[in-house]
Amino acid sequence: MKKRYIICVNDSNKEQNNLFMEYIKENGLGWWHYIDNFWLLTDISGKLSASIIRDQLNIIYGVRNMVIEINQNSDNWAGFGPQNENENMFDWIQKNWKK
């Protein structure tokens, strides 16, 4: 089943972006990237997940990131960033995204 993803990273450089593009091409993903630090991906094989892509982003970038999977039945997301008492990057999303 085809999967679609929205990818955002907090900060990047050309070398990191090139590594991510290699990952995209190695996995046969379709992509759109006309806004810095933002990608739209399609996975026609359906083999990836938001958490798998997030883990790859952590290896390449090591910065705050967000991966949102969009499909006909539901959506899923995974991210990397602060999740503590003083700063929680995902608090609003967990409380409001699917409400």
N, C-alpha and C. Protein backbone atom coordinates (compact mmCIF):
# COMPACT_ATOMS: atom_id res chain seq x y z
N MET A 1 0.83 -1.17 0.00
CA MET A 1 0.00 0.00 0.00
C MET A 1 0.88 1.24 0.00
N LYS A 2 0.58 2.19 -0.84
CA LYS A 2 1.33 3.44 -0.94
C LYS A 2 1.17 4.24 0.35
N LYS A 3 2.31 4.78 0.83
CA LYS A 3 2.30 5.63 2.01
C LYS A 3 2.84 7.00 1.63
N ARG A 4 2.34 8.02 2.33
CA ARG A 4 2.79 9.39 2.10
C ARG A 4 3.27 9.98 3.41
N TYR A 5 4.35 10.77 3.34
CA TYR A 5 4.95 11.34 4.54
C TYR A 5 5.25 12.82 4.36
N ILE A 6 5.11 13.56 5.45
CA ILE A 6 5.57 14.94 5.55
C ILE A 6 6.77 14.90 6.49
N ILE A 7 7.90 15.45 6.04
CA ILE A 7 9.15 15.41 6.80
C ILE A 7 9.61 16.84 7.07
N CYS A 8 9.93 17.14 8.32
CA CYS A 8 10.48 18.44 8.70
C CYS A 8 11.68 18.22 9.60
N VAL A 9 12.75 18.95 9.36
CA VAL A 9 13.91 18.93 10.26
C VAL A 9 14.22 20.36 10.69
N ASN A 10 14.76 20.50 11.89
CA ASN A 10 15.00 21.81 12.47
C ASN A 10 16.12 22.57 11.77
N ASP A 11 17.17 21.90 11.41
CA ASP A 11 18.32 22.55 10.82
C ASP A 11 19.07 21.54 9.97
N SER A 12 19.72 22.01 8.92
CA SER A 12 20.46 21.07 8.07
C SER A 12 21.54 21.80 7.30
N ASN A 13 22.48 21.00 6.79
CA ASN A 13 23.48 21.55 5.88
C ASN A 13 23.45 20.72 4.60
N LYS A 14 24.22 21.15 3.61
CA LYS A 14 24.18 20.51 2.30
C LYS A 14 24.60 19.04 2.38
N GLU A 15 25.63 18.73 3.17
CA GLU A 15 26.10 17.34 3.29
C GLU A 15 25.01 16.44 3.89
N GLN A 16 24.33 16.92 4.92
CA GLN A 16 23.24 16.15 5.53
C GLN A 16 22.10 15.95 4.54
N ASN A 17 21.74 17.00 3.82
CA ASN A 17 20.67 16.88 2.83
C ASN A 17 21.03 15.89 1.73
N ASN A 18 22.30 15.89 1.32
CA ASN A 18 22.74 14.92 0.32
C ASN A 18 22.63 13.49 0.84
N LEU A 19 22.98 13.27 2.11
CA LEU A 19 22.84 11.94 2.72
C LEU A 19 21.38 11.51 2.77
N PHE A 20 20.49 12.45 3.11
CA PHE A 20 19.07 12.11 3.15
C PHE A 20 18.55 11.80 1.74
N MET A 21 19.01 12.55 0.75
CA MET A 21 18.60 12.27 -0.63
C MET A 21 19.08 10.88 -1.07
N GLU A 22 20.26 10.48 -0.65
CA GLU A 22 20.74 9.12 -0.94
C GLU A 22 19.81 8.09 -0.32
N TYR A 23 19.41 8.32 0.93
CA TYR A 23 18.47 7.42 1.61
C TYR A 23 17.15 7.34 0.83
N ILE A 24 16.65 8.49 0.40
CA ILE A 24 15.40 8.54 -0.37
C ILE A 24 15.53 7.71 -1.65
N LYS A 25 16.60 7.93 -2.38
CA LYS A 25 16.80 7.21 -3.64
C LYS A 25 17.04 5.72 -3.42
N GLU A 26 17.82 5.35 -2.40
CA GLU A 26 18.09 3.93 -2.11
C GLU A 26 16.81 3.18 -1.77
N ASN A 27 15.83 3.86 -1.21
CA ASN A 27 14.57 3.24 -0.84
C ASN A 27 13.48 3.41 -1.88
N GLY A 28 13.83 3.97 -3.04
CA GLY A 28 12.88 4.11 -4.14
C GLY A 28 11.71 5.02 -3.83
N LEU A 29 11.94 6.04 -3.03
CA LEU A 29 10.87 6.94 -2.63
C LEU A 29 10.70 8.06 -3.64
N GLY A 30 9.46 8.47 -3.82
CA GLY A 30 9.19 9.68 -4.57
C GLY A 30 9.35 10.86 -3.63
N TRP A 31 9.73 12.01 -4.15
CA TRP A 31 9.98 13.12 -3.24
C TRP A 31 9.68 14.47 -3.88
N TRP A 32 9.37 15.41 -3.00
CA TRP A 32 9.18 16.82 -3.33
C TRP A 32 9.95 17.60 -2.28
N HIS A 33 10.81 18.56 -2.69
CA HIS A 33 11.64 19.30 -1.73
C HIS A 33 11.96 20.68 -2.27
N TYR A 34 10.97 21.57 -2.24
CA TYR A 34 11.16 22.93 -2.72
C TYR A 34 11.19 23.93 -1.57
N ILE A 35 11.08 23.47 -0.33
CA ILE A 35 11.15 24.32 0.85
C ILE A 35 12.25 23.76 1.74
N ASP A 36 13.17 24.61 2.18
CA ASP A 36 14.28 24.14 3.02
C ASP A 36 13.77 23.37 4.23
N ASN A 37 14.44 22.25 4.51
CA ASN A 37 14.18 21.43 5.70
C ASN A 37 12.77 20.82 5.72
N PHE A 38 12.15 20.66 4.55
CA PHE A 38 10.79 20.14 4.43
C PHE A 38 10.71 19.26 3.19
N TRP A 39 10.21 18.04 3.35
CA TRP A 39 10.06 17.12 2.23
C TRP A 39 8.66 16.50 2.25
N LEU A 40 8.16 16.17 1.09
CA LEU A 40 7.01 15.29 0.94
C LEU A 40 7.56 14.03 0.28
N LEU A 41 7.26 12.87 0.87
CA LEU A 41 7.75 11.60 0.34
C LEU A 41 6.59 10.67 0.05
N THR A 42 6.76 9.83 -0.97
CA THR A 42 5.83 8.74 -1.23
C THR A 42 6.61 7.43 -1.24
N ASP A 43 6.01 6.41 -0.63
CA ASP A 43 6.61 5.08 -0.55
C ASP A 43 5.63 4.09 -1.17
N ILE A 44 5.81 3.76 -2.45
CA ILE A 44 4.85 2.87 -3.11
C ILE A 44 4.97 1.43 -2.63
N SER A 45 6.11 1.08 -2.04
CA SER A 45 6.28 -0.28 -1.51
C SER A 45 5.55 -0.46 -0.18
N GLY A 46 5.34 0.63 0.55
CA GLY A 46 4.69 0.56 1.85
C GLY A 46 5.56 -0.04 2.93
N LYS A 47 6.87 -0.15 2.71
CA LYS A 47 7.74 -0.83 3.66
C LYS A 47 8.23 0.05 4.81
N LEU A 48 8.15 1.36 4.66
CA LEU A 48 8.66 2.25 5.70
C LEU A 48 7.55 2.67 6.65
N SER A 49 7.94 3.28 7.76
CA SER A 49 7.00 3.84 8.73
C SER A 49 7.55 5.18 9.20
N ALA A 50 6.71 5.95 9.88
CA ALA A 50 7.15 7.24 10.41
C ALA A 50 8.33 7.06 11.35
N SER A 51 8.30 6.04 12.19
CA SER A 51 9.40 5.84 13.15
C SER A 51 10.69 5.39 12.47
N ILE A 52 10.60 4.60 11.40
CA ILE A 52 11.81 4.20 10.67
C ILE A 52 12.46 5.42 10.02
N ILE A 53 11.66 6.28 9.41
CA ILE A 53 12.20 7.49 8.79
C ILE A 53 12.76 8.42 9.87
N ARG A 54 12.04 8.58 10.97
CA ARG A 54 12.54 9.41 12.08
C ARG A 54 13.90 8.93 12.55
N ASP A 55 14.06 7.62 12.72
CA ASP A 55 15.35 7.08 13.17
C ASP A 55 16.46 7.40 12.18
N GLN A 56 16.17 7.35 10.89
CA GLN A 56 17.16 7.70 9.88
C GLN A 56 17.50 9.19 9.95
N LEU A 57 16.50 10.03 10.16
CA LEU A 57 16.74 11.46 10.32
C LEU A 57 17.66 11.73 11.51
N ASN A 58 17.45 11.00 12.60
CA ASN A 58 18.29 11.17 13.79
C ASN A 58 19.74 10.81 13.48
N ILE A 59 19.95 9.77 12.68
CA ILE A 59 21.31 9.37 12.31
C ILE A 59 21.96 10.45 11.44
N ILE A 60 21.23 10.98 10.49
CA ILE A 60 21.79 11.95 9.55
C ILE A 60 21.89 13.34 10.15
N TYR A 61 20.81 13.82 10.77
CA TYR A 61 20.75 15.20 11.23
C TYR A 61 21.02 15.36 12.72
N GLY A 62 20.45 14.49 13.55
CA GLY A 62 20.62 14.60 14.99
C GLY A 62 19.98 15.84 15.59
N VAL A 63 18.96 16.38 14.94
CA VAL A 63 18.26 17.57 15.43
C VAL A 63 16.77 17.28 15.53
N ARG A 64 16.04 18.22 16.07
CA ARG A 64 14.58 18.08 16.16
C ARG A 64 14.03 17.79 14.77
N ASN A 65 13.10 16.84 14.73
CA ASN A 65 12.48 16.51 13.45
C ASN A 65 11.08 16.00 13.68
N MET A 66 10.31 15.94 12.61
CA MET A 66 8.94 15.45 12.66
C MET A 66 8.63 14.72 11.37
N VAL A 67 8.04 13.53 11.50
CA VAL A 67 7.62 12.74 10.36
C VAL A 67 6.14 12.43 10.55
N ILE A 68 5.33 12.83 9.60
CA ILE A 68 3.89 12.57 9.66
C ILE A 68 3.51 11.70 8.48
N GLU A 69 2.88 10.56 8.78
CA GLU A 69 2.37 9.68 7.73
C GLU A 69 0.90 10.01 7.49
N ILE A 70 0.55 10.23 6.24
CA ILE A 70 -0.82 10.53 5.86
C ILE A 70 -1.33 9.38 4.99
N ASN A 71 -2.49 8.82 5.31
CA ASN A 71 -3.10 7.81 4.45
C ASN A 71 -4.61 7.92 4.53
N GLN A 72 -5.33 7.11 3.76
CA GLN A 72 -6.78 7.21 3.69
C GLN A 72 -7.46 6.82 5.00
N ASN A 73 -6.91 5.87 5.75
CA ASN A 73 -7.58 5.34 6.93
C ASN A 73 -7.23 6.09 8.21
N SER A 74 -6.00 6.55 8.33
CA SER A 74 -5.57 7.25 9.54
C SER A 74 -4.25 7.95 9.25
N ASP A 75 -3.75 8.65 10.24
CA ASP A 75 -2.42 9.22 10.10
C ASP A 75 -1.59 8.80 11.30
N ASN A 76 -0.29 8.83 11.13
CA ASN A 76 0.64 8.42 12.16
C ASN A 76 1.79 9.40 12.13
N TRP A 77 2.47 9.56 13.24
CA TRP A 77 3.60 10.47 13.26
C TRP A 77 4.64 10.00 14.27
N ALA A 78 5.86 10.48 14.09
CA ALA A 78 6.96 10.23 15.00
C ALA A 78 7.88 11.43 14.94
N GLY A 79 8.51 11.75 16.05
CA GLY A 79 9.39 12.90 16.05
C GLY A 79 10.50 12.76 17.06
N PHE A 80 11.44 13.68 16.99
CA PHE A 80 12.56 13.73 17.92
C PHE A 80 12.72 15.17 18.37
N GLY A 81 12.66 15.38 19.67
CA GLY A 81 12.82 16.71 20.24
C GLY A 81 12.50 16.68 21.71
N PRO A 82 12.53 17.84 22.37
CA PRO A 82 12.33 17.87 23.82
C PRO A 82 10.93 17.39 24.22
N GLN A 83 10.91 16.60 25.26
CA GLN A 83 9.64 16.11 25.81
C GLN A 83 9.77 16.09 27.32
N ASN A 84 9.95 17.26 27.90
CA ASN A 84 10.10 17.33 29.35
C ASN A 84 9.10 18.31 29.93
N GLU A 85 9.15 18.48 31.22
CA GLU A 85 8.21 19.32 31.94
C GLU A 85 8.24 20.78 31.47
N ASN A 86 9.41 21.29 31.14
CA ASN A 86 9.55 22.69 30.74
C ASN A 86 9.31 22.93 29.26
N GLU A 87 9.60 21.94 28.46
CA GLU A 87 9.45 22.09 27.01
C GLU A 87 9.09 20.74 26.41
N ASN A 88 7.90 20.67 25.81
CA ASN A 88 7.46 19.42 25.19
C ASN A 88 7.03 19.73 23.76
N MET A 89 7.88 19.32 22.82
CA MET A 89 7.64 19.61 21.41
C MET A 89 6.37 18.97 20.88
N PHE A 90 5.91 17.91 21.52
CA PHE A 90 4.79 17.13 20.99
C PHE A 90 3.49 17.23 21.79
N ASP A 91 3.49 17.99 22.88
CA ASP A 91 2.33 18.08 23.75
C ASP A 91 1.09 18.53 22.98
N TRP A 92 1.18 19.61 22.23
CA TRP A 92 0.03 20.12 21.49
C TRP A 92 -0.47 19.09 20.49
N ILE A 93 0.45 18.45 19.78
CA ILE A 93 0.07 17.47 18.76
C ILE A 93 -0.68 16.31 19.40
N GLN A 94 -0.15 15.80 20.52
CA GLN A 94 -0.80 14.67 21.19
C GLN A 94 -2.18 15.03 21.69
N LYS A 95 -2.39 16.27 22.11
CA LYS A 95 -3.68 16.68 22.65
C LYS A 95 -4.68 17.10 21.58
N ASN A 96 -4.19 17.61 20.44
CA ASN A 96 -5.09 18.27 19.49
C ASN A 96 -5.14 17.70 18.07
N TRP A 97 -4.11 16.99 17.63
CA TRP A 97 -4.02 16.61 16.22
C TRP A 97 -5.20 15.76 15.76
N LYS A 98 -5.58 14.74 16.53
CA LYS A 98 -6.65 13.83 16.10
C LYS A 98 -8.00 14.15 16.73
N LYS A 99 -8.10 15.21 17.45
CA LYS A 99 -9.35 15.54 18.15
C LYS A 99 -10.39 16.06 17.17
